[in-house]
């Protein structure tokens, strides 16, 4: 028996690649070998942004790639398109890849395949070849529980066969779990094609011997009371240096932070996928001006490195710094940060919790509404935002809520306690 050899396969978005990379580094420290499978497109993006993947070559982590089946100019923000292209392109090529990897070192063949959400097809191929499988679920364990309980939600008449709520109501999977608005179920914003995909994925994941969750029992105990299968192995917070990124990180912003007073800076970042409509972008920009506090705002370029939004004419940004992409963990742990305006993606959520920073919650889709209810209602370390009648969050509301978060000493104390 050789050394355990993991073939790990993330869906190609940063919220999946990063936790799987952190998992890989931890497993490698325990003396295991890792082969990390990226799509050609995302591997090229990550290496051209200088994210440090190439520095891992000396370690026990090796990189391989397969094409995602899309053309360079295709819109990779269309997740349904990406998902089905990957599945149809990679599945037939996958057995040969395994064969080639195993041929390189016959004593250290692949012993386990680890996938994230949307890559269940690899578990099916592995299962046929007699290779054990594991699921690493990148969002919260609660969101896994919701997907796992879809058959119950169908049977109880909560949702229809397209995953849409039959009536507006509050849903609780267990008495200790925060109630969830039926309109905010993790799949509702993604449409019926994606819902059908999730139903199929959850069936496929039963082939995996382990369901690993990037969380800890303390953060969401109610989720773990629902199933023995969910294994908390997180939060995965491995070293800062090898963070995979699709954009070059602006490290100069750390020097700028060094010059700001303690607990004075508003940090704004909506992760790697969410985008703001122009009118909403304007309100946020003007709110940051109104606050008259230093701010660090991540305004991400699109896939072609263009910025999507134009700044309003009356925006001064005199106290702020705007960057395309930033070393988020280092920023959140910087003493100058006062609060985090976040989309509440799970990675950002646990990074903020881990840094003891209070939140202003601005969820966009999927599991982000669930995470918001943990932040605001369960852990009580953040506030939500109310939209105006036009569906836009007005600048006055943003300003008011930021000021409330910043002066709330109890919330700060709870954030620090949760950090411990």
Protein backbone atom coordinates (compact mmCIF):
# COMPACT_ATOMS: atom_id res chain seq x y z
CA UNK A 1 0.00 0.00 0.00
CA UNK A 2 1.50 3.33 -1.09
CA UNK A 3 0.89 6.83 0.20
CA UNK A 4 -2.75 7.99 0.07
CA UNK A 5 -3.29 9.92 -3.16
CA UNK A 6 -6.22 12.36 -3.48
CA UNK A 7 -7.51 13.56 -6.83
CA UNK A 8 -9.36 16.80 -5.96
CA UNK A 9 -11.77 18.51 -8.35
CA UNK A 10 -13.30 21.92 -7.59
CA UNK A 11 -16.05 23.54 -9.61
CA UNK A 12 -14.17 26.48 -11.24
CA UNK A 13 -15.30 29.38 -9.07
CA UNK A 14 -13.11 30.83 -6.34
CA UNK A 15 -15.58 29.95 -3.58
CA UNK A 16 -14.96 26.28 -4.42
CA UNK A 17 -11.30 26.36 -5.46
CA UNK A 18 -10.07 28.08 -2.29
CA UNK A 19 -11.51 25.72 0.36
CA UNK A 20 -10.39 22.72 -1.70
CA UNK A 21 -6.90 24.23 -1.98
CA UNK A 22 -6.81 24.78 1.79
CA UNK A 23 -8.00 21.19 2.32
CA UNK A 24 -5.28 19.97 -0.06
CA UNK A 25 -2.55 21.85 1.79
CA UNK A 26 -3.68 20.36 5.10
CA UNK A 27 -3.83 16.82 3.74
CA UNK A 28 -0.42 17.29 2.10
CA UNK A 29 1.00 18.30 5.50
CA UNK A 30 -0.11 14.88 6.73
CA UNK A 31 2.10 13.26 4.08
CA UNK A 32 -0.53 12.53 1.41
CA UNK A 33 -0.17 13.19 -2.30
CA UNK A 34 -2.60 15.50 -4.09
CA UNK A 35 -3.42 15.89 -7.76
CA UNK A 36 -5.47 19.08 -8.23
CA UNK A 37 -7.65 19.13 -11.35
CA UNK A 38 -8.51 22.58 -12.70
CA UNK A 39 -10.23 23.54 -15.93
CA UNK A 40 -7.68 24.83 -18.44
CA UNK A 41 -9.38 28.24 -18.41
CA UNK A 42 -9.36 28.72 -14.64
CA UNK A 43 -5.81 27.36 -14.27
CA UNK A 44 -4.58 29.84 -16.87
CA UNK A 45 -6.39 32.69 -15.11
CA UNK A 46 -5.03 31.72 -11.71
CA UNK A 47 -1.43 31.39 -12.88
CA UNK A 48 -1.53 34.65 -14.87
CA UNK A 49 -2.80 36.53 -11.79
CA UNK A 50 0.31 35.37 -9.90
CA UNK A 51 -1.77 33.59 -7.28
CA UNK A 52 1.01 31.28 -6.20
CA UNK A 53 -0.29 27.96 -7.53
CA UNK A 54 3.03 27.39 -9.25
CA UNK A 55 4.88 27.77 -5.93
CA UNK A 56 3.20 24.56 -4.81
CA UNK A 57 4.99 22.46 -7.43
CA UNK A 58 7.69 21.50 -4.92
CA UNK A 59 5.14 20.31 -2.41
CA UNK A 60 2.99 17.20 -2.63
CA UNK A 61 0.41 19.04 -4.77
CA UNK A 62 0.54 18.55 -8.54
CA UNK A 63 -1.73 20.29 -11.04
CA UNK A 64 -3.49 18.79 -14.04
CA UNK A 65 -6.10 20.32 -16.35
CA UNK A 66 -8.96 19.37 -18.63
CA UNK A 67 -10.89 21.68 -20.99
CA UNK A 68 -14.27 23.01 -19.85
CA UNK A 69 -15.68 22.75 -23.39
CA UNK A 70 -16.36 26.49 -23.75
CA UNK A 71 -14.71 28.97 -26.11
CA UNK A 72 -12.52 31.74 -24.61
CA UNK A 73 -15.13 34.39 -25.45
CA UNK A 74 -18.06 32.46 -23.91
CA UNK A 75 -19.75 34.04 -20.88
CA UNK A 76 -18.42 32.12 -17.91
CA UNK A 77 -20.69 34.05 -15.55
CA UNK A 78 -23.53 31.91 -16.92
CA UNK A 79 -23.14 29.17 -14.32
CA UNK A 80 -25.72 26.80 -15.83
CA UNK A 81 -23.90 26.94 -19.18
CA UNK A 82 -20.51 26.33 -17.52
CA UNK A 83 -21.85 23.48 -15.42
CA UNK A 84 -23.36 21.48 -18.28
CA UNK A 85 -20.43 22.15 -20.62
CA UNK A 86 -17.99 20.83 -17.99
CA UNK A 87 -20.10 17.74 -17.38
CA UNK A 88 -20.43 16.82 -21.06
CA UNK A 89 -16.79 17.62 -21.90
CA UNK A 90 -14.90 16.27 -18.90
CA UNK A 91 -16.83 13.09 -18.12
CA UNK A 92 -15.64 11.17 -21.23
CA UNK A 93 -12.03 12.41 -20.80
CA UNK A 94 -11.84 11.64 -17.10
CA UNK A 95 -11.07 7.85 -17.11
CA UNK A 96 -8.07 8.44 -19.40
CA UNK A 97 -6.79 11.20 -17.08
CA UNK A 98 -6.98 8.82 -14.10
CA UNK A 99 -5.16 6.16 -16.11
CA UNK A 100 -2.39 8.62 -17.05
CA UNK A 101 -1.97 9.83 -13.44
CA UNK A 102 -1.80 6.27 -12.14
CA UNK A 103 0.74 5.29 -14.83
CA UNK A 104 3.17 7.94 -13.51
CA UNK A 105 3.63 6.12 -10.21
CA UNK A 106 2.20 2.62 -10.02
CA UNK A 107 2.85 2.40 -6.26
CA UNK A 108 0.92 5.59 -5.51
CA UNK A 109 -2.29 5.33 -7.51
CA UNK A 110 -5.30 7.55 -6.80
CA UNK A 111 -7.01 6.28 -3.65
CA UNK A 112 -9.77 8.90 -3.26
CA UNK A 113 -11.56 11.47 -5.43
CA UNK A 114 -12.73 14.64 -3.64
CA UNK A 115 -15.21 16.90 -5.45
CA UNK A 116 -17.11 20.10 -4.65
CA UNK A 117 -20.73 20.80 -5.53
CA UNK A 118 -21.51 20.49 -9.31
CA UNK A 119 -18.73 17.97 -9.96
CA UNK A 120 -20.65 14.83 -8.96
CA UNK A 121 -20.02 13.24 -12.38
CA UNK A 122 -16.43 12.56 -11.24
CA UNK A 123 -17.71 10.48 -8.30
CA UNK A 124 -19.75 8.35 -10.74
CA UNK A 125 -16.68 7.68 -12.90
CA UNK A 126 -14.57 6.95 -9.81
CA UNK A 127 -17.23 4.63 -8.41
CA UNK A 128 -17.20 2.56 -11.63
CA UNK A 129 -13.40 2.32 -11.34
CA UNK A 130 -13.58 1.27 -7.69
CA UNK A 131 -12.08 4.51 -6.31
CA UNK A 132 -13.51 5.90 -3.07
CA UNK A 133 -15.12 9.33 -3.13
CA UNK A 134 -15.70 12.31 -0.85
CA UNK A 135 -17.73 15.49 -1.16
CA UNK A 136 -16.29 18.75 0.15
CA UNK A 137 -19.30 21.08 0.42
CA UNK A 138 -18.03 24.69 0.17
CA UNK A 139 -21.08 26.55 1.59
CA UNK A 140 -22.55 26.09 5.07
CA UNK A 141 -23.71 22.76 6.49
CA UNK A 142 -27.18 24.33 6.74
CA UNK A 143 -27.30 24.84 2.97
CA UNK A 144 -26.26 21.20 2.52
CA UNK A 145 -29.12 20.20 4.84
CA UNK A 146 -31.61 22.20 2.75
CA UNK A 147 -30.46 20.48 -0.46
CA UNK A 148 -30.43 17.10 1.29
CA UNK A 149 -34.01 17.63 2.51
CA UNK A 150 -35.48 18.55 -0.91
CA UNK A 151 -37.50 15.27 -1.01
CA UNK A 152 -39.10 16.21 2.36
CA UNK A 153 -39.86 19.76 1.17
CA UNK A 154 -41.56 18.26 -1.92
CA UNK A 155 -43.52 15.71 0.16
CA UNK A 156 -44.64 18.36 2.65
CA UNK A 157 -45.92 20.60 -0.15
CA UNK A 158 -43.47 23.41 0.64
CA UNK A 159 -42.06 23.53 -2.93
CA UNK A 160 -43.26 22.36 -6.35
CA UNK A 161 -41.36 20.09 -8.76
CA UNK A 162 -39.40 23.10 -10.07
CA UNK A 163 -38.20 23.93 -6.55
CA UNK A 164 -40.39 27.03 -6.25
CA UNK A 165 -42.29 27.73 -3.00
CA UNK A 166 -46.01 26.93 -3.23
CA UNK A 167 -46.76 29.75 -0.82
CA UNK A 168 -44.79 32.41 1.01
CA UNK A 169 -43.88 31.09 4.44
CA UNK A 170 -41.10 30.69 6.99
CA UNK A 171 -39.38 27.30 6.87
CA UNK A 172 -37.45 25.64 9.68
CA UNK A 173 -35.71 22.32 9.11
CA UNK A 174 -35.27 21.89 12.86
CA UNK A 175 -36.46 23.87 15.87
CA UNK A 176 -32.99 25.30 16.64
CA UNK A 177 -32.37 26.50 13.09
CA UNK A 178 -33.09 30.08 12.00
CA UNK A 179 -36.38 30.36 10.10
CA UNK A 180 -35.88 30.74 6.36
CA UNK A 181 -38.09 32.77 4.05
CA UNK A 182 -39.38 30.33 1.38
CA UNK A 183 -38.44 32.86 -1.36
CA UNK A 184 -34.80 32.61 -0.23
CA UNK A 185 -34.27 28.85 -0.55
CA UNK A 186 -30.73 28.36 -1.91
CA UNK A 187 -31.82 27.32 -5.42
CA UNK A 188 -34.77 29.70 -6.01
CA UNK A 189 -32.72 32.46 -7.70
CA UNK A 190 -31.09 29.99 -10.13
CA UNK A 191 -34.13 28.61 -11.98
CA UNK A 192 -35.66 25.20 -12.55
CA UNK A 193 -32.82 23.79 -14.68
CA UNK A 194 -30.43 24.33 -11.79
CA UNK A 195 -32.93 22.90 -9.31
CA UNK A 196 -33.20 19.68 -11.36
CA UNK A 197 -29.38 19.58 -11.40
CA UNK A 198 -29.21 19.88 -7.59
CA UNK A 199 -31.74 17.06 -7.14
CA UNK A 200 -29.58 14.85 -9.37
CA UNK A 201 -26.32 15.93 -7.65
CA UNK A 202 -27.69 15.04 -4.21
CA UNK A 203 -28.44 11.52 -5.52
CA UNK A 204 -24.93 11.23 -6.98
CA UNK A 205 -23.33 12.43 -3.74
CA UNK A 206 -24.67 9.29 -2.03
CA UNK A 207 -21.78 7.52 -3.81
CA UNK A 208 -19.37 9.53 -1.62
CA UNK A 209 -18.29 7.88 1.62
CA UNK A 210 -17.70 11.24 3.32
CA UNK A 211 -19.56 14.54 3.23
CA UNK A 212 -17.09 17.13 4.48
CA UNK A 213 -18.29 20.59 5.53
CA UNK A 214 -16.13 23.71 5.71
CA UNK A 215 -17.54 24.72 9.07
CA UNK A 216 -17.41 23.88 12.75
CA UNK A 217 -20.06 22.36 15.00
CA UNK A 218 -20.12 25.55 17.13
CA UNK A 219 -21.21 27.77 14.23
CA UNK A 220 -24.28 25.78 13.16
CA UNK A 221 -24.98 22.93 15.62
CA UNK A 222 -28.60 22.48 14.46
CA UNK A 223 -27.45 21.40 10.98
CA UNK A 224 -25.38 18.56 12.43
CA UNK A 225 -28.31 17.29 14.48
CA UNK A 226 -30.11 16.54 11.17
CA UNK A 227 -27.67 13.97 9.79
CA UNK A 228 -24.72 11.84 10.86
CA UNK A 229 -23.30 12.23 7.35
CA UNK A 230 -22.26 15.87 7.68
CA UNK A 231 -18.69 16.04 8.99
CA UNK A 232 -17.42 19.46 10.14
CA UNK A 233 -13.74 19.78 9.21
CA UNK A 234 -13.44 23.56 9.18
CA UNK A 235 -13.25 26.37 9.08
CA UNK A 236 -10.44 25.82 6.59
CA UNK A 237 -8.13 28.77 7.24
CA UNK A 238 -4.82 27.62 5.86
CA UNK A 239 -1.90 29.95 5.17
CA UNK A 240 -2.46 33.23 3.40
CA UNK A 241 0.30 32.79 0.84
CA UNK A 242 -1.22 30.33 -1.60
CA UNK A 243 -4.65 31.82 -2.05
CA UNK A 244 -5.94 31.04 -5.49
CA UNK A 245 -7.18 34.13 -7.26
CA UNK A 246 -8.48 34.95 -10.74
CA UNK A 247 -7.35 38.57 -10.37
CA UNK A 248 -4.12 40.05 -9.17
CA UNK A 249 -4.39 41.07 -5.52
CA UNK A 250 -3.66 44.70 -4.73
CA UNK A 251 -1.30 44.32 -1.76
CA UNK A 252 -0.57 48.07 -1.62
CA UNK A 253 -3.92 48.50 0.13
CA UNK A 254 -2.36 46.87 3.24
CA UNK A 255 0.15 49.74 3.48
CA UNK A 256 -2.76 52.18 3.09
CA UNK A 257 -4.60 50.38 5.93
CA UNK A 258 -1.52 50.74 8.14
CA UNK A 259 -1.99 54.52 7.96
CA UNK A 260 -5.66 54.45 9.11
CA UNK A 261 -6.81 54.71 12.75
CA UNK A 262 -7.85 51.47 14.54
CA UNK A 263 -11.40 50.29 13.80
CA UNK A 264 -12.09 53.13 11.37
CA UNK A 265 -12.25 51.54 7.90
CA UNK A 266 -15.39 50.23 6.16
CA UNK A 267 -14.40 47.23 4.01
CA UNK A 268 -16.71 46.48 1.05
CA UNK A 269 -16.47 43.32 -1.07
CA UNK A 270 -19.11 41.21 -2.81
CA UNK A 271 -16.97 38.18 -3.65
CA UNK A 272 -16.06 36.77 -7.05
CA UNK A 273 -19.50 36.46 -8.71
CA UNK A 274 -22.06 39.05 -7.54
CA UNK A 275 -22.53 42.26 -9.54
CA UNK A 276 -24.47 45.47 -8.82
CA UNK A 277 -26.84 47.22 -11.23
CA UNK A 278 -25.60 50.73 -12.10
CA UNK A 279 -28.27 52.55 -10.03
CA UNK A 280 -27.46 50.41 -6.97
CA UNK A 281 -23.74 50.92 -7.54
CA UNK A 282 -24.34 54.71 -7.49
CA UNK A 283 -26.22 54.53 -4.17
CA UNK A 284 -23.40 52.54 -2.57
CA UNK A 285 -20.74 54.97 -3.86
CA UNK A 286 -22.66 57.99 -2.55
CA UNK A 287 -23.30 56.25 0.79
CA UNK A 288 -19.54 55.74 1.23
CA UNK A 289 -19.05 59.47 0.63
CA UNK A 290 -21.81 60.36 3.11
CA UNK A 291 -20.24 58.23 5.85
CA UNK A 292 -17.16 60.44 5.82
CA UNK A 293 -15.01 57.52 7.02
CA UNK A 294 -12.09 55.77 5.34
CA UNK A 295 -13.30 52.88 3.15
CA UNK A 296 -11.66 50.09 1.17
CA UNK A 297 -13.92 49.01 -1.70
CA UNK A 298 -13.26 46.03 -3.98
CA UNK A 299 -14.70 46.77 -7.44
CA UNK A 300 -13.97 43.62 -9.38
CA UNK A 301 -13.34 43.65 -13.14
CA UNK A 302 -15.29 41.18 -15.30
CA UNK A 303 -13.72 38.18 -17.07
CA UNK A 304 -12.28 40.45 -19.77
CA UNK A 305 -10.72 42.73 -17.16
CA UNK A 306 -13.19 45.55 -17.81
CA UNK A 307 -14.94 47.34 -14.95
CA UNK A 308 -18.71 46.91 -15.22
CA UNK A 309 -19.85 50.16 -13.60
CA UNK A 310 -19.24 53.90 -13.99
CA UNK A 311 -18.81 56.00 -10.84
CA UNK A 312 -21.41 58.76 -10.36
CA UNK A 313 -20.15 62.30 -11.13
CA UNK A 314 -20.76 63.56 -7.59
CA UNK A 315 -18.70 60.74 -6.00
CA UNK A 316 -15.57 62.22 -4.31
CA UNK A 317 -14.02 59.08 -2.79
CA UNK A 318 -11.59 61.39 -1.00
CA UNK A 319 -11.35 59.18 2.11
CA UNK A 320 -11.43 55.86 0.36
CA UNK A 321 -9.35 53.42 -1.62
CA UNK A 322 -10.80 51.37 -4.49
CA UNK A 323 -9.05 48.20 -5.65
CA UNK A 324 -9.83 45.53 -8.25
CA UNK A 325 -9.10 42.61 -5.94
CA UNK A 326 -7.62 42.32 -2.47
CA UNK A 327 -6.02 39.90 0.02
CA UNK A 328 -9.22 39.58 2.00
CA UNK A 329 -8.07 37.52 5.00
CA UNK A 330 -5.21 39.92 5.70
CA UNK A 331 -7.56 42.89 5.37
CA UNK A 332 -10.20 41.45 7.71
CA UNK A 333 -7.51 40.72 10.32
CA UNK A 334 -6.11 44.25 10.09
CA UNK A 335 -6.72 46.38 13.23
CA UNK A 336 -7.97 49.31 11.08
CA UNK A 337 -11.12 47.45 9.93
CA UNK A 338 -14.38 48.52 11.60
CA UNK A 339 -16.98 46.57 9.62
CA UNK A 340 -17.43 44.34 6.58
CA UNK A 341 -20.11 45.11 3.97
CA UNK A 342 -20.43 41.61 2.52
CA UNK A 343 -22.49 39.49 0.10
CA UNK A 344 -22.41 36.81 2.84
CA UNK A 345 -20.85 34.08 0.71
CA UNK A 346 -19.80 31.29 3.09
CA UNK A 347 -16.04 31.77 2.65
CA UNK A 348 -16.34 35.50 3.33
CA UNK A 349 -18.66 34.78 6.25
CA UNK A 350 -16.24 32.46 8.03
CA UNK A 351 -13.29 34.74 7.20
CA UNK A 352 -15.16 37.65 8.83
CA UNK A 353 -16.15 35.54 11.84
CA UNK A 354 -12.58 34.26 12.16
CA UNK A 355 -11.33 37.88 12.19
CA UNK A 356 -13.95 39.04 14.72
CA UNK A 357 -15.37 41.72 12.41
CA UNK A 358 -19.06 42.79 12.49
CA UNK A 359 -21.06 42.61 9.24
CA UNK A 360 -23.43 44.63 7.14
CA UNK A 361 -25.22 41.90 5.13
CA UNK A 362 -26.01 42.34 1.45
CA UNK A 363 -26.88 38.87 0.09
CA UNK A 364 -27.44 38.32 -3.66
CA UNK A 365 -28.27 34.66 -4.32
CA UNK A 366 -28.04 30.95 -3.40
CA UNK A 367 -26.95 30.27 0.21
CA UNK A 368 -26.14 33.92 0.99
CA UNK A 369 -29.60 34.60 2.50
CA UNK A 370 -29.17 31.62 4.83
CA UNK A 371 -25.77 32.90 5.93
CA UNK A 372 -27.26 36.33 6.51
CA UNK A 373 -29.84 34.84 8.89
CA UNK A 374 -27.04 33.19 10.89
CA UNK A 375 -25.05 36.47 11.01
CA UNK A 376 -28.03 38.66 12.01
CA UNK A 377 -30.43 36.36 13.90
CA UNK A 378 -28.32 33.57 15.42
CA UNK A 379 -24.82 34.95 16.05
CA UNK A 380 -26.11 38.56 16.18
CA UNK A 381 -22.89 40.01 14.72
CA UNK A 382 -24.40 42.00 11.86
CA UNK A 383 -27.34 43.88 10.41
CA UNK A 384 -29.31 43.53 7.17
CA UNK A 385 -30.33 46.25 4.71
CA UNK A 386 -33.86 47.23 3.66
CA UNK A 387 -34.62 47.90 0.00
CA UNK A 388 -36.68 50.92 -1.03
CA UNK A 389 -39.92 50.60 -3.03
CA UNK A 390 -37.93 50.59 -6.27
CA UNK A 391 -36.00 47.48 -5.13
CA UNK A 392 -32.83 49.53 -4.56
CA UNK A 393 -31.11 49.95 -1.20
CA UNK A 394 -30.90 53.76 -0.78
CA UNK A 395 -27.71 55.53 0.26
CA UNK A 396 -29.33 56.79 3.47
CA UNK A 397 -30.16 53.23 4.55
CA UNK A 398 -26.58 52.07 3.91
CA UNK A 399 -25.16 55.01 5.84
CA UNK A 400 -27.58 54.54 8.78
CA UNK A 401 -26.87 50.80 9.12
CA UNK A 402 -23.08 51.18 8.86
CA UNK A 403 -23.21 53.79 11.64
CA UNK A 404 -25.36 51.46 13.78
CA UNK A 405 -22.92 48.56 13.32
CA UNK A 406 -19.87 50.70 14.11
CA UNK A 407 -21.18 52.08 17.41
CA UNK A 408 -22.73 48.81 18.66
CA UNK A 409 -20.31 47.70 21.39
CA UNK A 410 -22.36 44.56 22.21
CA UNK A 411 -22.12 43.43 18.60
CA UNK A 412 -18.36 43.99 18.63
CA UNK A 413 -18.09 41.96 21.84
CA UNK A 414 -20.13 39.09 20.32
CA UNK A 415 -17.95 39.18 17.18
CA UNK A 416 -14.80 38.85 19.29
CA UNK A 417 -16.33 36.08 21.40
CA UNK A 418 -17.29 34.13 18.24
CA UNK A 419 -13.77 34.70 16.92
CA UNK A 420 -12.37 32.99 20.03
